[in-house]
N, C-alpha and C. Protein backbone atom coordinates (compact mmCIF):
# COMPACT_ATOMS: atom_id res chain seq x y z
N MET A 1 159.53 -32.21 -101.59
CA MET A 1 158.97 -31.20 -101.13
C MET A 1 160.28 -29.96 -100.90
N GLY A 2 159.08 -28.97 -101.96
CA GLY A 2 159.81 -28.33 -102.90
C GLY A 2 160.27 -26.71 -101.44
N ALA A 3 161.68 -26.36 -101.96
CA ALA A 3 162.10 -24.82 -100.97
C ALA A 3 161.13 -24.04 -99.91
N ARG A 4 160.01 -23.64 -101.25
CA ARG A 4 158.95 -22.56 -100.99
C ARG A 4 158.70 -23.75 -99.69
N ARG A 5 157.66 -25.09 -99.86
CA ARG A 5 157.19 -25.74 -98.68
C ARG A 5 157.58 -25.63 -97.51
N VAL A 6 159.05 -26.07 -97.41
CA VAL A 6 159.74 -26.02 -96.24
C VAL A 6 159.85 -24.95 -94.80
N VAL A 7 159.53 -23.28 -96.02
CA VAL A 7 159.89 -22.09 -95.21
C VAL A 7 158.12 -21.80 -95.03
N ALA A 8 157.19 -21.95 -95.70
CA ALA A 8 155.80 -21.90 -95.25
C ALA A 8 155.84 -22.98 -94.21
N GLY A 9 155.80 -23.64 -93.93
CA GLY A 9 156.27 -24.84 -92.67
C GLY A 9 156.73 -24.15 -91.32
N ALA A 10 157.67 -23.82 -91.97
CA ALA A 10 158.58 -23.09 -90.70
C ALA A 10 157.79 -21.62 -90.26
N LEU A 11 157.08 -21.15 -91.21
CA LEU A 11 156.53 -20.10 -91.06
C LEU A 11 155.07 -19.92 -89.62
N VAL A 12 154.37 -21.17 -89.98
CA VAL A 12 153.52 -21.71 -89.42
C VAL A 12 153.33 -22.36 -87.79
N ILE A 13 154.61 -22.80 -88.26
CA ILE A 13 155.11 -23.36 -87.12
C ILE A 13 155.70 -22.33 -86.43
N TYR A 14 156.81 -21.02 -86.50
CA TYR A 14 157.15 -19.70 -85.78
C TYR A 14 155.91 -18.76 -85.29
N SER A 15 155.11 -19.54 -86.11
CA SER A 15 153.83 -18.09 -86.47
C SER A 15 152.94 -18.28 -84.58
N ALA A 16 152.66 -19.42 -84.48
CA ALA A 16 152.09 -20.37 -83.29
C ALA A 16 152.26 -20.05 -82.42
N ALA A 17 153.97 -20.98 -82.65
CA ALA A 17 154.80 -20.98 -80.91
C ALA A 17 154.80 -18.49 -80.83
N LEU A 18 154.72 -18.59 -81.90
CA LEU A 18 154.74 -17.22 -80.96
C LEU A 18 153.35 -16.51 -81.49
N ALA A 19 152.25 -16.14 -81.61
CA ALA A 19 150.52 -16.16 -80.39
C ALA A 19 150.76 -16.19 -79.30
N VAL A 20 150.98 -17.50 -79.35
CA VAL A 20 151.71 -18.11 -77.65
C VAL A 20 152.51 -17.70 -76.53
N ALA A 21 153.14 -17.31 -77.02
CA ALA A 21 153.73 -15.98 -76.66
C ALA A 21 153.68 -14.85 -76.15
N LEU A 22 152.84 -13.89 -77.31
CA LEU A 22 152.45 -13.29 -77.75
C LEU A 22 151.00 -12.79 -75.86
N LEU A 23 150.49 -14.22 -76.59
CA LEU A 23 148.89 -14.10 -75.36
C LEU A 23 149.15 -14.87 -74.72
N ALA A 24 149.97 -15.63 -74.36
CA ALA A 24 150.25 -16.13 -72.80
C ALA A 24 149.52 -15.05 -71.85
N PRO A 25 148.89 -15.03 -71.06
CA PRO A 25 148.53 -14.54 -69.95
C PRO A 25 149.69 -13.88 -69.04
N THR A 26 150.95 -14.59 -68.99
CA THR A 26 151.67 -13.36 -68.02
C THR A 26 152.55 -13.89 -68.91
N SER A 27 154.16 -12.89 -68.88
CA SER A 27 155.50 -12.20 -69.69
C SER A 27 156.45 -12.63 -69.05
N GLY A 28 156.38 -13.90 -67.96
CA GLY A 28 157.40 -13.98 -66.53
C GLY A 28 158.40 -14.65 -68.06
N THR A 29 158.22 -16.11 -68.72
CA THR A 29 159.12 -15.72 -69.90
C THR A 29 159.92 -15.36 -70.56
N GLN A 30 159.42 -14.26 -71.08
CA GLN A 30 159.48 -13.60 -71.86
C GLN A 30 160.57 -12.62 -71.44
N SER A 31 159.87 -11.61 -69.97
CA SER A 31 160.86 -10.95 -69.20
C SER A 31 162.43 -11.64 -68.85
N SER A 32 162.63 -13.22 -68.94
CA SER A 32 163.58 -13.87 -68.42
C SER A 32 163.92 -13.91 -68.78
N MET A 33 163.70 -14.00 -70.83
CA MET A 33 164.31 -13.45 -71.60
C MET A 33 165.39 -12.49 -72.11
N ALA A 34 164.19 -11.68 -71.84
CA ALA A 34 165.53 -10.37 -72.06
C ALA A 34 166.20 -10.42 -71.20
N SER A 35 166.09 -10.58 -69.37
CA SER A 35 167.24 -10.46 -68.64
C SER A 35 167.92 -11.60 -69.62
N TRP A 36 167.91 -12.52 -70.07
CA TRP A 36 169.45 -13.67 -70.88
C TRP A 36 169.60 -12.55 -71.65
N LEU A 37 169.21 -11.73 -72.66
CA LEU A 37 169.92 -11.38 -74.03
C LEU A 37 170.67 -9.52 -72.68
N ARG A 38 169.79 -9.36 -71.37
CA ARG A 38 170.39 -8.29 -70.86
C ARG A 38 172.05 -8.82 -70.71
N ASP A 39 171.82 -9.79 -70.03
CA ASP A 39 173.36 -10.65 -69.30
C ASP A 39 174.40 -11.01 -70.34
N LEU A 40 174.18 -11.02 -71.41
CA LEU A 40 174.76 -11.49 -72.88
C LEU A 40 175.97 -10.37 -72.92
N GLY A 41 174.65 -9.11 -73.08
CA GLY A 41 175.47 -8.03 -73.19
C GLY A 41 176.50 -7.48 -73.02
N ARG A 42 175.93 -7.75 -71.48
CA ARG A 42 177.07 -7.24 -70.48
C ARG A 42 178.52 -8.44 -70.24
N ASP A 43 177.81 -9.54 -70.87
CA ASP A 43 179.07 -10.04 -70.33
C ASP A 43 180.50 -10.06 -71.90
N ILE A 44 179.64 -9.62 -73.12
CA ILE A 44 180.24 -9.38 -74.01
C ILE A 44 181.19 -7.87 -74.54
N GLY A 45 180.39 -7.17 -72.60
CA GLY A 45 181.58 -5.38 -72.45
C GLY A 45 180.59 -4.49 -73.17
N PHE A 46 179.16 -5.37 -72.77
CA PHE A 46 178.31 -3.30 -72.85
C PHE A 46 178.12 -3.31 -71.48
N SER A 47 177.78 -2.11 -71.22
CA SER A 47 178.09 -1.24 -69.70
C SER A 47 176.77 -1.63 -69.32
N PRO A 48 176.58 -1.57 -67.76
CA PRO A 48 175.45 -1.92 -66.93
C PRO A 48 174.39 -0.57 -67.12
N ALA A 49 175.18 0.71 -67.85
CA ALA A 49 174.48 1.96 -68.48
C ALA A 49 173.60 2.08 -69.18
N THR A 50 174.42 0.66 -70.09
CA THR A 50 173.73 0.66 -71.80
C THR A 50 173.03 -1.07 -72.26
N ALA A 51 172.91 -1.79 -71.23
CA ALA A 51 172.75 -3.08 -71.24
C ALA A 51 171.61 -3.25 -70.04
N THR A 52 170.04 -2.61 -70.21
CA THR A 52 169.12 -2.49 -69.21
C THR A 52 168.64 -3.50 -70.05
N GLN A 53 167.16 -3.56 -68.88
CA GLN A 53 166.14 -4.63 -68.95
C GLN A 53 165.14 -3.94 -70.14
N VAL A 54 165.60 -2.42 -70.10
CA VAL A 54 164.52 -1.82 -71.12
C VAL A 54 164.84 -2.33 -72.42
N ARG A 55 166.00 -1.88 -72.55
CA ARG A 55 166.73 -1.40 -73.30
C ARG A 55 166.81 -3.54 -73.89
N ALA A 56 167.49 -3.95 -73.35
CA ALA A 56 166.80 -5.30 -73.49
C ALA A 56 164.89 -6.15 -74.38
N GLU A 57 163.96 -5.43 -73.18
CA GLU A 57 162.93 -6.28 -73.37
C GLU A 57 162.97 -5.52 -74.53
N PHE A 58 163.39 -4.02 -74.88
CA PHE A 58 162.88 -3.51 -76.68
C PHE A 58 163.72 -4.34 -78.17
N LEU A 59 165.05 -5.22 -77.60
CA LEU A 59 165.49 -5.74 -78.49
C LEU A 59 164.71 -6.75 -78.86
N SER A 60 163.80 -7.65 -78.12
CA SER A 60 163.97 -8.76 -77.40
C SER A 60 162.04 -8.54 -78.63
N ASN A 61 162.01 -7.63 -78.44
CA ASN A 61 160.20 -7.26 -79.32
C ASN A 61 161.08 -7.18 -80.48
N VAL A 62 161.65 -6.36 -80.74
CA VAL A 62 162.17 -6.11 -82.71
C VAL A 62 162.14 -7.64 -83.08
N LEU A 63 163.65 -8.79 -82.29
CA LEU A 63 163.94 -10.01 -82.71
C LEU A 63 162.82 -10.64 -83.11
N ILE A 64 161.25 -10.90 -81.52
CA ILE A 64 160.84 -12.01 -82.53
C ILE A 64 160.34 -11.87 -83.51
N LEU A 65 159.39 -10.35 -84.17
CA LEU A 65 159.21 -10.46 -85.28
C LEU A 65 159.71 -10.91 -86.23
N VAL A 66 160.93 -10.69 -86.10
CA VAL A 66 162.20 -10.99 -87.30
C VAL A 66 161.79 -11.97 -88.32
N PRO A 67 161.94 -12.87 -87.89
CA PRO A 67 161.53 -14.26 -88.78
C PRO A 67 160.04 -14.99 -89.73
N VAL A 68 158.87 -13.99 -88.37
CA VAL A 68 157.66 -13.77 -89.51
C VAL A 68 158.04 -13.31 -90.79
N SER A 69 157.88 -11.94 -90.83
CA SER A 69 159.24 -10.95 -91.92
C SER A 69 159.01 -11.48 -92.90
N LEU A 70 160.52 -11.87 -91.93
CA LEU A 70 162.15 -13.00 -93.44
C LEU A 70 160.80 -14.04 -93.72
N LEU A 71 160.43 -14.97 -93.61
CA LEU A 71 160.50 -16.04 -94.19
C LEU A 71 159.05 -15.77 -94.70
N GLY A 72 157.68 -14.54 -94.68
CA GLY A 72 156.77 -14.95 -95.11
C GLY A 72 157.45 -13.96 -96.51
N SER A 73 158.52 -13.25 -96.70
CA SER A 73 159.41 -12.56 -97.75
C SER A 73 159.24 -13.68 -98.57
N LEU A 74 159.66 -14.65 -97.93
CA LEU A 74 160.18 -15.49 -99.02
C LEU A 74 159.04 -16.67 -99.83
N VAL A 75 158.18 -16.82 -98.69
CA VAL A 75 156.84 -17.04 -99.28
C VAL A 75 155.62 -16.59 -100.24
N TRP A 76 155.95 -15.37 -99.86
CA TRP A 76 155.17 -14.42 -100.71
C TRP A 76 156.22 -13.63 -101.41
N PRO A 77 157.40 -13.75 -101.95
CA PRO A 77 158.83 -12.78 -102.81
C PRO A 77 157.14 -11.42 -103.38
N ARG A 78 156.83 -10.72 -103.45
CA ARG A 78 155.71 -10.43 -104.59
C ARG A 78 155.15 -9.17 -103.30
N THR A 79 155.29 -9.54 -102.22
CA THR A 79 154.57 -8.96 -100.54
C THR A 79 156.09 -7.55 -100.75
N THR A 80 156.54 -6.40 -100.19
CA THR A 80 157.27 -5.74 -100.64
C THR A 80 157.72 -5.23 -98.85
N TRP A 81 158.50 -5.17 -98.72
CA TRP A 81 159.45 -4.57 -96.75
C TRP A 81 158.68 -3.64 -95.99
N ARG A 82 158.04 -2.57 -97.70
CA ARG A 82 156.65 -1.82 -96.54
C ARG A 82 155.23 -2.70 -96.72
N ASP A 83 154.93 -3.79 -97.41
CA ASP A 83 153.77 -3.70 -96.88
C ASP A 83 153.51 -5.08 -95.74
N TRP A 84 154.89 -5.56 -95.01
CA TRP A 84 155.70 -6.17 -94.12
C TRP A 84 155.43 -5.26 -92.72
N THR A 85 155.86 -3.89 -92.72
CA THR A 85 155.96 -3.20 -92.43
C THR A 85 154.66 -2.51 -91.64
N ALA A 86 154.12 -2.59 -92.89
CA ALA A 86 152.59 -2.18 -92.30
C ALA A 86 151.48 -2.89 -91.54
N PHE A 87 152.10 -4.72 -91.81
CA PHE A 87 151.06 -5.98 -91.31
C PHE A 87 152.18 -5.81 -90.19
N GLY A 88 152.81 -5.52 -89.93
CA GLY A 88 153.90 -5.37 -88.00
C GLY A 88 153.23 -4.98 -87.57
N PHE A 89 153.09 -3.30 -88.10
CA PHE A 89 152.87 -2.24 -87.39
C PHE A 89 150.27 -2.83 -86.78
N LEU A 90 150.35 -3.31 -87.95
CA LEU A 90 148.57 -3.66 -87.63
C LEU A 90 148.89 -5.14 -86.29
N LEU A 91 149.37 -5.91 -87.04
CA LEU A 91 149.58 -6.77 -86.18
C LEU A 91 150.39 -6.51 -84.87
N ALA A 92 151.37 -5.73 -84.64
CA ALA A 92 151.61 -4.91 -83.56
C ALA A 92 150.64 -5.19 -82.31
N GLY A 93 149.86 -3.90 -82.94
CA GLY A 93 148.51 -2.72 -81.99
C GLY A 93 147.78 -3.42 -82.48
N ALA A 94 147.03 -4.99 -82.97
CA ALA A 94 146.22 -5.66 -82.05
C ALA A 94 146.56 -6.49 -81.41
N VAL A 95 148.41 -7.10 -81.26
CA VAL A 95 148.38 -7.88 -80.22
C VAL A 95 148.22 -7.31 -79.05
N GLU A 96 149.33 -5.88 -78.98
CA GLU A 96 148.93 -5.42 -78.43
C GLU A 96 147.62 -4.36 -76.80
N LEU A 97 146.24 -4.46 -78.50
CA LEU A 97 145.11 -4.08 -77.83
C LEU A 97 145.12 -5.14 -76.82
N THR A 98 144.93 -6.72 -77.49
CA THR A 98 144.87 -7.50 -76.39
C THR A 98 144.69 -7.84 -75.21
N GLN A 99 146.22 -7.72 -75.29
CA GLN A 99 146.79 -7.83 -73.97
C GLN A 99 146.02 -6.54 -73.47
N GLY A 100 145.90 -5.60 -73.11
CA GLY A 100 145.77 -4.32 -73.01
C GLY A 100 144.28 -4.25 -72.32
N LEU A 101 143.42 -5.51 -72.93
CA LEU A 101 141.63 -5.56 -72.47
C LEU A 101 141.56 -6.43 -72.56
N LEU A 102 142.07 -7.93 -72.66
CA LEU A 102 141.43 -9.05 -72.37
C LEU A 102 142.74 -10.33 -71.34
N LEU A 103 144.24 -9.71 -70.82
CA LEU A 103 145.49 -10.42 -70.44
C LEU A 103 145.87 -9.60 -69.27
N PRO A 104 144.33 -9.21 -68.01
CA PRO A 104 144.75 -8.31 -67.04
C PRO A 104 146.52 -8.59 -66.52
N HIS A 105 146.58 -9.19 -66.71
CA HIS A 105 148.81 -9.39 -65.97
C HIS A 105 149.46 -9.39 -66.94
N ARG A 106 148.79 -8.32 -68.22
CA ARG A 106 149.59 -8.24 -68.94
C ARG A 106 149.50 -6.90 -69.74
N MET A 107 150.90 -5.72 -69.92
CA MET A 107 150.71 -4.44 -69.98
C MET A 107 150.26 -4.25 -71.84
N ALA A 108 149.63 -3.10 -72.02
CA ALA A 108 149.62 -2.85 -73.74
C ALA A 108 151.22 -1.74 -73.45
N SER A 109 152.51 -2.03 -74.98
CA SER A 109 153.13 -0.75 -74.01
C SER A 109 153.35 -0.39 -76.08
N TYR A 110 152.65 1.07 -75.59
CA TYR A 110 153.07 1.90 -77.62
C TYR A 110 154.74 0.70 -77.94
N SER A 111 155.39 1.14 -77.13
CA SER A 111 157.07 1.04 -77.63
C SER A 111 157.32 -0.44 -77.78
N ASP A 112 155.91 -1.39 -77.58
CA ASP A 112 155.86 -2.60 -78.10
C ASP A 112 156.02 -2.99 -79.75
N VAL A 113 154.86 -2.06 -79.56
CA VAL A 113 154.82 -1.52 -81.25
C VAL A 113 155.65 -1.09 -82.06
N VAL A 114 156.33 -0.23 -81.62
CA VAL A 114 157.72 0.20 -82.12
C VAL A 114 158.08 -1.05 -82.52
N ALA A 115 158.39 -1.44 -81.44
CA ALA A 115 159.64 -2.29 -81.27
C ALA A 115 159.46 -4.05 -82.62
N ASN A 116 157.45 -4.12 -82.54
CA ASN A 116 157.02 -5.45 -82.92
C ASN A 116 157.52 -4.43 -85.08
N THR A 117 156.52 -3.65 -85.43
CA THR A 117 157.09 -2.14 -86.45
C THR A 117 158.64 -2.80 -86.60
N LEU A 118 159.12 -2.81 -86.20
CA LEU A 118 160.92 -2.47 -86.46
C LEU A 118 161.29 -3.59 -86.80
N GLY A 119 161.22 -5.09 -86.19
CA GLY A 119 161.08 -6.56 -86.66
C GLY A 119 160.68 -6.66 -86.83
N CYS A 120 159.71 -6.50 -88.18
CA CYS A 120 159.21 -7.31 -89.58
C CYS A 120 159.92 -6.12 -90.54
N LEU A 121 160.20 -5.18 -90.19
CA LEU A 121 161.35 -3.96 -91.45
C LEU A 121 162.17 -5.10 -91.65
N VAL A 122 163.38 -5.16 -90.65
CA VAL A 122 164.69 -5.37 -90.79
C VAL A 122 164.51 -6.95 -90.65
N GLY A 123 163.59 -8.20 -91.56
CA GLY A 123 163.02 -8.85 -91.25
C GLY A 123 162.44 -9.01 -93.10
N SER A 124 162.10 -8.11 -92.98
CA SER A 124 161.83 -8.00 -94.54
C SER A 124 162.62 -7.35 -95.03
N GLY A 125 163.01 -6.75 -94.75
CA GLY A 125 164.42 -5.66 -95.20
C GLY A 125 165.48 -6.91 -95.41
N GLY A 126 166.04 -7.42 -94.50
CA GLY A 126 167.23 -8.01 -95.18
C GLY A 126 166.94 -9.09 -96.20
N VAL A 127 165.91 -9.23 -96.73
CA VAL A 127 165.15 -9.87 -97.76
C VAL A 127 165.82 -9.33 -98.54
N TRP A 128 165.02 -8.09 -98.93
CA TRP A 128 164.90 -7.34 -99.96
C TRP A 128 166.71 -6.73 -99.91
N VAL A 129 167.68 -7.07 -98.82
CA VAL A 129 168.48 -6.26 -99.80
C VAL A 129 169.42 -7.22 -99.89
N THR A 130 169.38 -8.58 -99.39
CA THR A 130 169.46 -9.70 -100.40
C THR A 130 169.46 -10.14 -101.83
N ARG A 131 168.20 -9.82 -101.77
CA ARG A 131 167.68 -9.60 -103.10
C ARG A 131 168.37 -9.31 -104.01
N ARG A 132 168.44 -8.05 -103.96
CA ARG A 132 168.95 -7.33 -104.91
C ARG A 132 170.49 -7.08 -104.98
N LEU A 133 171.00 -7.58 -103.87
CA LEU A 133 173.05 -7.73 -103.93
C LEU A 133 172.29 -8.86 -104.80
N ARG A 134 171.80 -10.15 -105.08
CA ARG A 134 172.20 -11.07 -106.30
C ARG A 134 171.45 -10.35 -107.60
N ARG A 135 171.29 -10.15 -107.26
CA ARG A 135 170.56 -9.34 -108.58
C ARG A 135 171.41 -8.86 -109.22
N ALA A 136 172.51 -7.49 -108.23
CA ALA A 136 173.31 -6.32 -108.76
C ALA A 136 174.73 -7.75 -108.67
N ARG A 137 174.55 -8.86 -108.90
CA ARG A 137 176.26 -9.88 -109.29
C ARG A 137 175.66 -11.25 -109.99
N THR A 138 174.24 -10.89 -110.59
CA THR A 138 173.94 -11.68 -111.83
C THR A 138 173.76 -10.80 -112.58
N PRO A 139 175.13 -11.65 -113.59
CA PRO A 139 175.31 -11.49 -115.33
C PRO A 139 174.13 -10.84 -115.63
N SER A 140 174.19 -9.53 -116.73
CA SER A 140 172.81 -9.75 -117.62
C SER A 140 173.16 -10.67 -118.79
N ARG A 141 171.43 -10.78 -119.20
CA ARG A 141 171.80 -11.55 -120.25
C ARG A 141 172.04 -10.65 -121.24
């Protein structure tokens, strides 16, 4: 099986798991994961004023979409970081709209849209930077 098919499979599996997490009726598991991240930050030396629950939730919302745009950029190499950032914004907006309108135990949040959009930028931007560095190291023919 080719590498691209493996990456595409990973993207499908991750996206399905992500959909379950983002559209779950409650956010208890997600809040617990953010608390773990907050505690990790404190354990490695960040002050309690810096490693807060709000910041951990924002960082979690960034990190949760990085794999989508990273893997997607590998599957569809012509899709740019700009495309993925726009896609992330639209996806995040749709998720927050769904949470706000259809999931009474979830809260829609503008900051989640910002964080998720940033996550798509980080994932696709990482692939873009890596490709640029590889091209720079490759000798010209």
